[in-house]
Amino acid sequence: MSEKEITNQLWTRHSDEEIKEIYASWAAKYEDDVAEWGYSTPPRLALALRQCGANIEKPILDFGCGTGLSGMALKAVGFQVIDGTDISPEMLAIAEAKPSYRQVWNGEPGSMGHIKRGDYPAIAATGVVSLGAAPPETLDMLIDAIGPGGLFAFSFNDATLADRAYTDRLDVAVLAPDIELVFEEHGPHLPAKEMMSTVYVLRRI
């Protein structure tokens, strides 16, 4: 796909099958394209987890890991045991070739698969729960996977922040007595596209 074709398809609602098709077509050029756009959210999110006290010696789940850029960012700030999952086998094959991961596996939309609450003391979802990718209810599913004391880091880009279906889910989530918002920072996402993102970290008390 050309850059114009890609950007025309991003940041709008799609079915699960459409999302798989978009990322299957984009996998080979994905890293070159986002590098050109100045993709800044993965290192910001990884650093936020460190700042919030995530234990770098404990396993972390990179949910929606794509080609592994998020895993590389986690590795760069010191995380030692990183597992990745994604619904795109084409993207996942590229991630698997990177040295960042202990293991990776192909997931299914709307499912945590074999993962139960508390299996991972930290979960990262970089640019995953967003308009044009995973739907708003994915946020609930990921929050539910956090065990006591666990951390969940994720990001909303500007297009997602403008969609109340996503922001309302977050507003409701932090009203729960055992969930607290411990980090929130708006900053660069895709500078070449003049797009920002907010990185959030939640903790289950």
Protein backbone atom coordinates (compact mmCIF):
# COMPACT_ATOMS: atom_id res chain seq x y z
CA MET A 1 0.00 0.00 0.00
CA SER A 2 1.10 3.57 -0.65
CA GLU A 3 1.44 6.03 2.24
CA LYS A 4 -1.74 7.79 1.09
CA GLU A 5 -3.67 4.50 1.03
CA ILE A 6 -2.41 3.62 4.51
CA THR A 7 -3.25 6.96 6.10
CA ASN A 8 -6.66 7.00 4.47
CA GLN A 9 -7.45 3.71 6.23
CA LEU A 10 -6.05 4.59 9.65
CA TRP A 11 -8.00 6.30 12.42
CA THR A 12 -11.43 5.19 11.22
CA ARG A 13 -13.55 2.29 12.44
CA HIS A 14 -12.97 -1.14 10.88
CA SER A 15 -14.13 -4.70 11.39
CA ASP A 16 -11.67 -7.24 12.79
CA GLU A 17 -11.16 -8.73 9.34
CA GLU A 18 -10.52 -5.33 7.78
CA ILE A 19 -7.92 -4.58 10.45
CA LYS A 20 -6.15 -7.86 9.75
CA GLU A 21 -6.13 -7.09 6.01
CA ILE A 22 -4.73 -3.58 6.55
CA TYR A 23 -1.87 -4.79 8.72
CA ALA A 24 -1.15 -7.81 6.51
CA SER A 25 -0.67 -5.45 3.57
CA TRP A 26 1.33 -2.96 5.63
CA ALA A 27 3.62 -5.32 7.57
CA ALA A 28 6.60 -5.18 5.20
CA LYS A 29 6.69 -1.36 5.10
CA TYR A 30 5.32 -0.60 8.57
CA GLU A 31 8.59 0.11 10.37
CA ASP A 32 9.98 2.26 7.56
CA ASP A 33 6.77 4.29 7.41
CA VAL A 34 6.39 4.94 11.13
CA ALA A 35 10.11 5.75 11.42
CA GLU A 36 9.63 8.38 8.71
CA TRP A 37 6.69 9.78 10.67
CA GLY A 38 8.77 9.94 13.87
CA TYR A 39 6.81 7.36 15.90
CA SER A 40 7.45 8.43 19.49
CA THR A 41 4.88 6.67 21.67
CA PRO A 42 6.67 3.32 22.31
CA PRO A 43 9.63 4.82 24.22
CA ARG A 44 7.34 7.24 26.06
CA LEU A 45 5.10 4.41 27.22
CA ALA A 46 8.00 2.16 28.23
CA LEU A 47 9.56 4.95 30.27
CA ALA A 48 6.20 5.68 31.95
CA LEU A 49 6.03 2.08 33.17
CA ARG A 50 9.51 2.38 34.67
CA GLN A 51 8.60 5.66 36.32
CA CYS A 52 5.53 4.03 37.85
CA GLY A 53 7.62 1.35 39.50
CA ALA A 54 7.18 -1.67 37.21
CA ASN A 55 9.54 -4.48 38.16
CA ILE A 56 11.83 -4.96 35.16
CA GLU A 57 12.77 -8.47 36.30
CA LYS A 58 9.16 -9.71 36.17
CA PRO A 59 7.43 -10.74 32.92
CA ILE A 60 5.58 -8.06 30.97
CA LEU A 61 2.98 -8.66 28.25
CA ASP A 62 3.29 -6.55 25.10
CA PHE A 63 -0.32 -6.78 23.93
CA GLY A 64 -0.76 -5.90 20.26
CA CYS A 65 3.00 -5.98 19.78
CA GLY A 66 2.87 -5.54 16.00
CA THR A 67 6.34 -5.83 14.47
CA GLY A 68 7.98 -5.49 17.86
CA LEU A 69 8.83 -1.79 18.08
CA SER A 70 7.07 -1.62 21.44
CA GLY A 71 9.04 -4.63 22.69
CA MET A 72 12.29 -2.99 21.63
CA ALA A 73 11.31 0.12 23.58
CA LEU A 74 10.53 -1.96 26.67
CA LYS A 75 13.86 -3.76 26.32
CA ALA A 76 15.68 -0.45 25.98
CA VAL A 77 14.45 0.77 29.39
CA GLY A 78 15.46 -2.49 31.08
CA PHE A 79 12.56 -4.96 30.93
CA GLN A 80 14.10 -8.41 30.80
CA VAL A 81 11.23 -10.86 30.15
CA ILE A 82 8.86 -9.67 27.43
CA ASP A 83 6.11 -11.74 25.81
CA GLY A 84 4.22 -10.45 22.77
CA THR A 85 0.91 -11.17 21.14
CA ASP A 86 -0.84 -9.74 18.09
CA ILE A 87 -3.75 -10.60 15.81
CA SER A 88 -1.66 -10.07 12.66
CA PRO A 89 0.53 -13.09 11.81
CA GLU A 90 2.39 -11.01 9.23
CA MET A 91 3.36 -8.37 11.81
CA LEU A 92 4.06 -11.00 14.44
CA ALA A 93 6.54 -12.83 12.20
CA ILE A 94 8.66 -9.67 12.12
CA ALA A 95 8.42 -9.28 15.90
CA GLU A 96 9.43 -12.88 16.46
CA ALA A 97 12.71 -12.29 14.63
CA LYS A 98 13.68 -9.57 17.11
CA PRO A 99 15.72 -10.45 20.22
CA SER A 100 13.37 -8.52 22.53
CA TYR A 101 10.89 -11.34 23.19
CA ARG A 102 10.90 -14.50 25.25
CA GLN A 103 7.93 -15.73 23.24
CA VAL A 104 5.22 -14.43 20.92
CA TRP A 105 1.88 -15.85 19.81
CA ASN A 106 -0.96 -15.06 17.45
CA GLY A 107 -4.02 -13.85 19.34
CA GLU A 108 -7.70 -13.52 18.48
CA PRO A 109 -9.60 -10.21 18.47
CA GLY A 110 -11.46 -9.55 21.71
CA SER A 111 -9.71 -12.31 23.65
CA MET A 112 -6.87 -12.62 26.16
CA GLY A 113 -6.53 -16.26 25.17
CA HIS A 114 -4.90 -18.33 27.91
CA ILE A 115 -4.00 -15.28 30.03
CA LYS A 116 -5.76 -14.98 33.37
CA ARG A 117 -5.92 -12.07 35.79
CA GLY A 118 -2.57 -11.48 37.42
CA ASP A 119 -0.52 -13.70 35.09
CA TYR A 120 1.52 -10.62 34.18
CA PRO A 121 2.40 -7.95 36.77
CA ALA A 122 2.61 -5.43 33.93
CA ILE A 123 0.82 -5.14 30.58
CA ALA A 124 1.63 -2.68 27.79
CA ALA A 125 -0.67 -1.86 24.87
CA THR A 126 1.07 0.76 22.75
CA GLY A 127 -1.33 2.33 20.26
CA VAL A 128 -3.54 -0.74 20.38
CA VAL A 129 -6.82 0.37 21.94
CA SER A 130 -7.47 3.06 19.38
CA LEU A 131 -9.71 4.24 16.59
CA GLY A 132 -8.98 2.03 13.58
CA ALA A 133 -7.44 -0.75 15.67
CA ALA A 134 -8.87 -2.46 18.77
CA PRO A 135 -12.38 -1.35 19.79
CA PRO A 136 -13.16 0.51 23.05
CA GLU A 137 -14.25 -2.61 24.95
CA THR A 138 -10.68 -3.95 24.63
CA LEU A 139 -9.77 -1.49 27.37
CA ASP A 140 -12.10 -3.29 29.80
CA MET A 141 -10.63 -6.66 28.87
CA LEU A 142 -7.06 -5.50 29.48
CA ILE A 143 -7.88 -3.78 32.76
CA ASP A 144 -9.56 -6.98 33.93
CA ALA A 145 -6.28 -8.84 33.31
CA ILE A 146 -4.40 -6.70 35.86
CA GLY A 147 -3.89 -8.42 39.20
CA PRO A 148 -3.54 -6.62 42.57
CA GLY A 149 -0.59 -4.26 42.39
CA GLY A 150 -0.38 -4.74 38.64
CA LEU A 151 0.22 -1.98 36.09
CA PHE A 152 -1.38 -1.44 32.70
CA ALA A 153 0.09 1.13 30.29
CA PHE A 154 -1.65 2.20 27.09
CA SER A 155 -1.99 5.17 24.77
CA PHE A 156 -4.73 7.10 23.00
CA ASN A 157 -3.72 9.11 19.93
CA ASP A 158 -5.48 12.38 19.10
CA ALA A 159 -8.07 10.70 16.86
CA THR A 160 -8.93 8.28 19.66
CA LEU A 161 -9.06 11.04 22.27
CA ALA A 162 -11.69 12.73 20.10
CA ASP A 163 -13.91 9.62 20.17
CA ARG A 164 -16.07 9.53 23.30
CA ALA A 165 -16.53 5.77 22.98
CA TYR A 166 -12.89 5.40 24.08
CA THR A 167 -12.56 8.22 26.58
CA ASP A 168 -15.85 7.34 28.29
CA ARG A 169 -14.56 3.78 28.83
CA LEU A 170 -11.50 5.16 30.55
CA ASP A 171 -13.56 7.57 32.66
CA VAL A 172 -15.72 4.70 33.89
CA ALA A 173 -12.73 2.42 34.48
CA VAL A 174 -11.00 4.82 36.86
CA LEU A 175 -14.17 5.14 38.94
CA ALA A 176 -13.67 1.55 40.11
CA PRO A 177 -12.53 1.50 43.75
CA ASP A 178 -9.58 -0.77 43.00
CA ILE A 179 -8.25 1.04 39.89
CA GLU A 180 -6.19 4.21 40.05
CA LEU A 181 -4.72 6.38 37.32
CA VAL A 182 -1.06 6.82 38.25
CA PHE A 183 0.32 8.41 35.07
CA GLU A 184 -1.06 10.63 32.31
CA GLU A 185 1.04 12.56 29.80
CA HIS A 186 0.20 14.11 26.43
CA GLY A 187 3.16 14.22 24.06
CA PRO A 188 4.54 13.36 20.62
CA HIS A 189 3.11 10.44 18.68
CA LEU A 190 3.65 10.91 14.93
CA PRO A 191 5.29 14.35 14.61
CA ALA A 192 5.38 14.23 10.80
CA LYS A 193 1.61 13.73 10.85
CA GLU A 194 1.18 16.45 13.52
CA MET A 195 -0.42 13.86 15.78
CA MET A 196 0.04 13.59 19.54
CA SER A 197 -0.91 10.86 22.01
CA THR A 198 -1.64 10.56 25.70
CA VAL A 199 0.12 7.79 27.60
CA TYR A 200 -1.72 6.42 30.63
CA VAL A 201 -0.73 3.98 33.36
CA LEU A 202 -3.36 2.33 35.58
CA ARG A 203 -2.71 0.34 38.75
CA ARG A 204 -4.98 -2.17 40.44
CA ILE A 205 -4.83 -1.45 44.17
